[in-house]
Amino acid sequence: MANSDLFLGLISYCFIIPIFPKVPKTMKSFFTPNSCTSLVLWDSISLGSTIGLPKFPNFLRGLTSILSYYLSVITGILLGDASIRRSASNHNARLGFSPSITNHFEYFWHVFTILAHYCSFLPYLDKTTLKNGKTYFKLSFFTRAYPCFSMLFDMWVIDDIKVVPLDIFNLLTPVALAHWICCDGYFHSSGGLYLCTDSFTVPDVVRLMNVLLVKFDIPSNLHFSNGLPRIYIRKSDVSRVRVLVKPFIVPSMLYKLGL
């Protein structure tokens, strides 16, 4: 990360922290079921942050679900840089996001604010020093461990290896595709678009290519980089991708579509 990008990111981070104030542990009424019978349209609400709230009891964790928009965001980042793992304490799974593009602070913070409802802590800064002496910084955040994330874990992880779920046809929406591109897409000088699927097997990548073609009418080719599979969308078809995902991409990431 460039020093200027890191400085601007940390300054923004410091000013935005007050958006998520800590809640006193005396707020026990939050955990007590009430008699409210009001109805809201499913998936029509914006979930608030739960940063700073005390540890949730099991019954509340069990009631937590993932609305469709949030599931699309999670799908997109899991196809990219996100990870999902089991918690040793209660055997439920948690989602983690630590992108290799942390120099794009706007996008990282955008994802965090979307998923802050599922988090107990603010993102933190990691510092890594390599053997060659170079130092790298990256931001990360993790969600709480929930049963709903355990369901995703069972879909996305086999023998401790992240895979493409068999139900990816239903999971891959325009929102998911937009976040996938933000994480692992890059615009090539030829005018085409690459999706870096290096961590997946060839059958998994072919499954993704089939979904792009059948669901979105976006043809693609299978390329290899250092023996690892990548999806290439030709210049003539990139305009179709732009129309599909541009409404869901933060301005600083539009360059990944050649814009």
Protein backbone atom coordinates (compact mmCIF):
# COMPACT_ATOMS: atom_id res chain seq x y z
CA MET A 1 0.00 0.00 0.00
CA ALA A 2 1.30 3.42 -0.87
CA ASN A 3 2.06 5.59 2.17
CA SER A 4 -0.32 8.31 0.98
CA ASP A 5 -3.16 5.79 0.55
CA LEU A 6 -2.49 4.33 3.98
CA PHE A 7 -2.43 7.79 5.57
CA LEU A 8 -5.71 8.84 3.95
CA GLY A 9 -7.30 5.54 4.86
CA LEU A 10 -6.30 5.78 8.51
CA ILE A 11 -7.45 9.41 8.74
CA SER A 12 -10.84 8.43 7.29
CA TYR A 13 -10.96 5.46 9.66
CA CYS A 14 -10.37 7.68 12.69
CA PHE A 15 -13.12 10.10 11.71
CA ILE A 16 -15.64 7.38 10.87
CA ILE A 17 -15.18 5.36 14.09
CA PRO A 18 -17.75 7.50 16.01
CA ILE A 19 -20.46 6.16 13.68
CA PHE A 20 -20.24 2.91 15.66
CA PRO A 21 -20.22 3.94 19.34
CA LYS A 22 -19.92 1.31 22.01
CA VAL A 23 -23.07 0.36 23.85
CA PRO A 24 -22.96 -0.08 27.62
CA LYS A 25 -23.17 -3.65 28.83
CA THR A 26 -26.06 -2.59 31.04
CA MET A 27 -28.29 -2.60 27.96
CA LYS A 28 -29.62 -6.04 28.87
CA SER A 29 -33.11 -5.31 27.55
CA PHE A 30 -31.70 -5.74 24.04
CA PHE A 31 -31.44 -9.45 24.69
CA THR A 32 -34.91 -9.90 26.16
CA PRO A 33 -37.69 -11.08 23.81
CA ASN A 34 -40.55 -8.56 23.69
CA SER A 35 -44.17 -8.60 22.60
CA CYS A 36 -43.72 -6.42 19.48
CA THR A 37 -45.89 -7.74 16.65
CA SER A 38 -45.09 -5.13 14.00
CA LEU A 39 -44.56 -6.51 10.50
CA VAL A 40 -42.03 -5.35 7.93
CA LEU A 41 -41.56 -6.47 4.34
CA TRP A 42 -38.83 -9.13 4.29
CA ASP A 43 -35.51 -7.82 2.98
CA SER A 44 -36.86 -4.25 2.79
CA ILE A 45 -34.92 -2.94 5.77
CA SER A 46 -31.36 -1.75 6.25
CA LEU A 47 -29.75 -3.57 9.16
CA GLY A 48 -28.03 -1.44 11.78
CA SER A 49 -24.58 -1.94 13.26
CA THR A 50 -24.09 -4.11 16.35
CA ILE A 51 -20.52 -2.92 16.94
CA GLY A 52 -19.71 -2.75 20.65
CA LEU A 53 -22.69 -4.76 21.88
CA PRO A 54 -21.97 -7.45 24.50
CA LYS A 55 -21.70 -11.10 23.57
CA PHE A 56 -24.97 -12.36 22.09
CA PRO A 57 -26.78 -15.26 23.80
CA ASN A 58 -27.30 -18.46 21.82
CA PHE A 59 -31.01 -17.88 21.23
CA LEU A 60 -30.29 -14.55 19.55
CA ARG A 61 -27.52 -16.04 17.42
CA GLY A 62 -29.91 -18.77 16.35
CA LEU A 63 -32.52 -16.22 15.26
CA THR A 64 -30.05 -14.32 13.09
CA SER A 65 -30.37 -14.85 9.36
CA ILE A 66 -28.80 -13.38 6.23
CA LEU A 67 -31.10 -11.31 4.03
CA SER A 68 -30.77 -11.73 0.26
CA TYR A 69 -28.85 -8.51 -0.45
CA TYR A 70 -26.31 -9.26 2.28
CA LEU A 71 -26.02 -12.84 1.01
CA SER A 72 -25.16 -11.46 -2.44
CA VAL A 73 -22.42 -9.25 -0.99
CA ILE A 74 -21.05 -12.20 0.97
CA THR A 75 -21.14 -14.41 -2.12
CA GLY A 76 -19.17 -11.84 -4.11
CA ILE A 77 -16.42 -11.42 -1.53
CA LEU A 78 -16.20 -15.17 -0.89
CA LEU A 79 -15.50 -15.62 -4.60
CA GLY A 80 -12.73 -13.10 -3.96
CA ASP A 81 -10.71 -12.38 -0.83
CA ALA A 82 -13.07 -13.34 2.01
CA SER A 83 -12.71 -16.45 4.11
CA ILE A 84 -15.08 -18.40 6.30
CA ARG A 85 -13.96 -20.58 9.20
CA ARG A 86 -15.28 -22.45 12.20
CA SER A 87 -14.96 -20.87 15.62
CA ALA A 88 -13.22 -23.07 18.18
CA SER A 89 -15.36 -21.69 21.02
CA ASN A 90 -18.88 -22.54 19.88
CA HIS A 91 -18.35 -24.43 16.60
CA ASN A 92 -20.26 -21.84 14.62
CA ALA A 93 -18.57 -20.19 11.64
CA ARG A 94 -17.49 -16.58 11.13
CA LEU A 95 -16.76 -14.58 8.00
CA GLY A 96 -13.48 -12.73 7.57
CA PHE A 97 -12.53 -10.10 4.99
CA SER A 98 -8.92 -9.11 4.47
CA PRO A 99 -8.55 -8.05 0.84
CA SER A 100 -5.32 -7.71 -1.06
CA ILE A 101 -6.64 -4.36 -2.34
CA THR A 102 -6.78 -2.65 1.05
CA ASN A 103 -5.21 0.43 -0.52
CA HIS A 104 -8.73 1.00 -1.84
CA PHE A 105 -10.01 2.03 1.57
CA GLU A 106 -13.35 3.24 0.20
CA TYR A 107 -14.29 -0.23 -0.99
CA PHE A 108 -13.10 -1.98 2.16
CA TRP A 109 -15.10 0.41 4.34
CA HIS A 110 -18.12 0.05 2.04
CA VAL A 111 -18.15 -3.72 2.61
CA PHE A 112 -17.61 -3.35 6.34
CA THR A 113 -20.51 -0.90 6.78
CA ILE A 114 -22.78 -3.31 4.90
CA LEU A 115 -21.82 -6.23 7.14
CA ALA A 116 -21.38 -4.28 10.40
CA HIS A 117 -24.68 -5.73 11.63
CA TYR A 118 -22.89 -9.07 11.98
CA CYS A 119 -19.71 -7.71 13.61
CA SER A 120 -18.79 -6.99 17.22
CA PHE A 121 -15.55 -5.07 16.58
CA LEU A 122 -14.24 -2.45 14.19
CA PRO A 123 -11.67 -3.45 11.55
CA TYR A 124 -8.07 -3.69 12.66
CA LEU A 125 -4.75 -3.00 10.94
CA ASP A 126 -2.25 -5.80 10.32
CA LYS A 127 1.44 -5.21 9.66
CA THR A 128 3.50 -7.85 7.86
CA THR A 129 7.25 -7.66 7.27
CA LEU A 130 8.61 -10.01 4.62
CA LYS A 131 12.09 -11.57 4.53
CA ASN A 132 13.17 -9.01 1.95
CA GLY A 133 12.45 -6.27 4.47
CA LYS A 134 9.36 -4.90 2.77
CA THR A 135 6.48 -4.01 5.08
CA TYR A 136 2.84 -4.35 4.10
CA PHE A 137 -0.28 -3.15 5.86
CA LYS A 138 -3.78 -4.49 5.44
CA LEU A 139 -7.14 -3.99 7.09
CA SER A 140 -9.27 -6.91 8.24
CA PHE A 141 -12.56 -7.55 9.95
CA PHE A 142 -14.41 -10.62 11.20
CA THR A 143 -18.06 -11.20 11.94
CA ARG A 144 -19.46 -12.89 15.00
CA ALA A 145 -19.86 -16.66 14.83
CA TYR A 146 -23.44 -17.48 13.82
CA PRO A 147 -25.34 -20.63 12.82
CA CYS A 148 -26.29 -18.89 9.56
CA PHE A 149 -22.59 -18.59 8.71
CA SER A 150 -22.13 -22.26 9.59
CA MET A 151 -24.63 -23.07 6.83
CA LEU A 152 -22.50 -21.06 4.41
CA PHE A 153 -19.36 -22.79 5.69
CA ASP A 154 -20.84 -26.16 4.76
CA MET A 155 -21.52 -24.86 1.24
CA TRP A 156 -18.19 -23.12 0.66
CA VAL A 157 -15.61 -25.29 2.45
CA ILE A 158 -14.74 -28.94 1.86
CA ASP A 159 -11.78 -30.50 3.69
CA ASP A 160 -10.61 -27.03 4.74
CA ILE A 161 -10.48 -25.83 1.12
CA LYS A 162 -12.75 -23.09 -0.22
CA VAL A 163 -14.81 -24.31 -3.19
CA VAL A 164 -17.50 -22.91 -5.46
CA PRO A 165 -20.91 -24.00 -4.05
CA LEU A 166 -23.10 -26.28 -6.14
CA ASP A 167 -25.88 -23.69 -5.73
CA ILE A 168 -23.79 -20.89 -7.25
CA PHE A 169 -26.40 -20.39 -10.00
CA ASN A 170 -28.83 -18.98 -7.42
CA LEU A 171 -26.17 -17.27 -5.32
CA LEU A 172 -24.46 -15.34 -8.13
CA THR A 173 -26.55 -12.17 -8.57
CA PRO A 174 -25.55 -8.84 -10.19
CA VAL A 175 -24.63 -7.56 -6.71
CA ALA A 176 -22.46 -10.63 -6.08
CA LEU A 177 -20.80 -10.26 -9.48
CA ALA A 178 -20.05 -6.59 -8.74
CA HIS A 179 -18.28 -7.47 -5.48
CA TRP A 180 -16.45 -10.37 -7.12
CA ILE A 181 -15.08 -7.97 -9.73
CA CYS A 182 -14.09 -5.46 -7.03
CA CYS A 183 -12.14 -8.15 -5.22
CA ASP A 184 -10.58 -10.21 -8.00
CA GLY A 185 -11.30 -8.55 -11.32
CA TYR A 186 -8.95 -6.48 -13.44
CA PHE A 187 -9.34 -4.68 -16.73
CA HIS A 188 -6.79 -5.82 -19.31
CA SER A 189 -5.06 -3.56 -21.82
CA SER A 190 -6.79 -5.56 -24.57
CA GLY A 191 -10.13 -4.19 -23.37
CA GLY A 192 -11.19 -7.48 -21.82
CA LEU A 193 -11.93 -8.31 -18.18
CA TYR A 194 -10.17 -10.96 -16.12
CA LEU A 195 -11.61 -12.63 -13.04
CA CYS A 196 -8.77 -14.13 -11.03
CA THR A 197 -10.01 -17.52 -9.89
CA ASP A 198 -6.54 -18.87 -9.09
CA SER A 199 -7.61 -20.48 -5.80
CA PHE A 200 -10.35 -22.60 -7.38
CA THR A 201 -10.12 -25.82 -9.37
CA VAL A 202 -10.80 -25.98 -13.10
CA PRO A 203 -14.21 -27.70 -12.58
CA ASP A 204 -15.19 -24.92 -10.14
CA VAL A 205 -14.12 -22.24 -12.62
CA VAL A 206 -16.02 -23.92 -15.46
CA ARG A 207 -19.10 -23.96 -13.23
CA LEU A 208 -18.76 -20.20 -12.76
CA MET A 209 -18.33 -19.70 -16.50
CA ASN A 210 -21.50 -21.69 -17.15
CA VAL A 211 -23.46 -19.50 -14.73
CA LEU A 212 -22.17 -16.33 -16.38
CA LEU A 213 -23.30 -17.65 -19.77
CA VAL A 214 -26.65 -19.22 -18.86
CA LYS A 215 -27.83 -16.68 -16.27
CA PHE A 216 -26.38 -13.42 -17.63
CA ASP A 217 -25.64 -14.25 -21.29
CA ILE A 218 -21.96 -13.38 -20.73
CA PRO A 219 -19.63 -15.73 -22.63
CA SER A 220 -16.10 -16.18 -21.33
CA ASN A 221 -12.89 -18.09 -21.96
CA LEU A 222 -10.72 -20.18 -19.69
CA HIS A 223 -7.16 -18.85 -19.49
CA PHE A 224 -4.23 -19.96 -17.36
CA SER A 225 -1.67 -17.88 -15.47
CA ASN A 226 1.28 -19.85 -14.06
CA GLY A 227 -0.86 -22.95 -14.44
CA LEU A 228 -3.81 -21.52 -12.50
CA PRO A 229 -7.27 -20.98 -14.08
CA ARG A 230 -8.73 -17.54 -14.77
CA ILE A 231 -11.90 -16.33 -16.47
CA TYR A 232 -11.49 -13.93 -19.38
CA ILE A 233 -14.42 -11.90 -20.72
CA ARG A 234 -13.72 -10.46 -24.15
CA LYS A 235 -13.84 -6.77 -24.99
CA SER A 236 -17.03 -7.24 -27.02
CA ASP A 237 -18.85 -8.59 -23.94
CA VAL A 238 -17.50 -6.25 -21.26
CA SER A 239 -20.21 -3.66 -22.01
CA ARG A 240 -22.82 -6.21 -20.94
CA VAL A 241 -20.99 -6.68 -17.64
CA ARG A 242 -20.84 -2.91 -17.09
CA VAL A 243 -24.59 -2.49 -17.50
CA LEU A 244 -25.19 -5.32 -15.06
CA VAL A 245 -22.87 -4.33 -12.21
CA LYS A 246 -22.07 -0.61 -12.47
CA PRO A 247 -24.95 0.46 -10.12
CA PHE A 248 -23.40 -1.63 -7.32
CA ILE A 249 -19.74 -0.59 -7.61
CA VAL A 250 -18.22 2.23 -5.55
CA PRO A 251 -16.68 5.01 -7.71
CA SER A 252 -13.07 4.22 -6.77
CA MET A 253 -13.42 0.71 -8.21
CA LEU A 254 -14.90 1.62 -11.61
CA TYR A 255 -11.43 1.38 -13.13
CA LYS A 256 -11.84 -2.41 -12.88
CA LEU A 257 -14.45 -2.05 -15.63
CA GLY A 258 -12.24 0.23 -17.69
CA LEU A 259 -14.23 3.30 -16.66
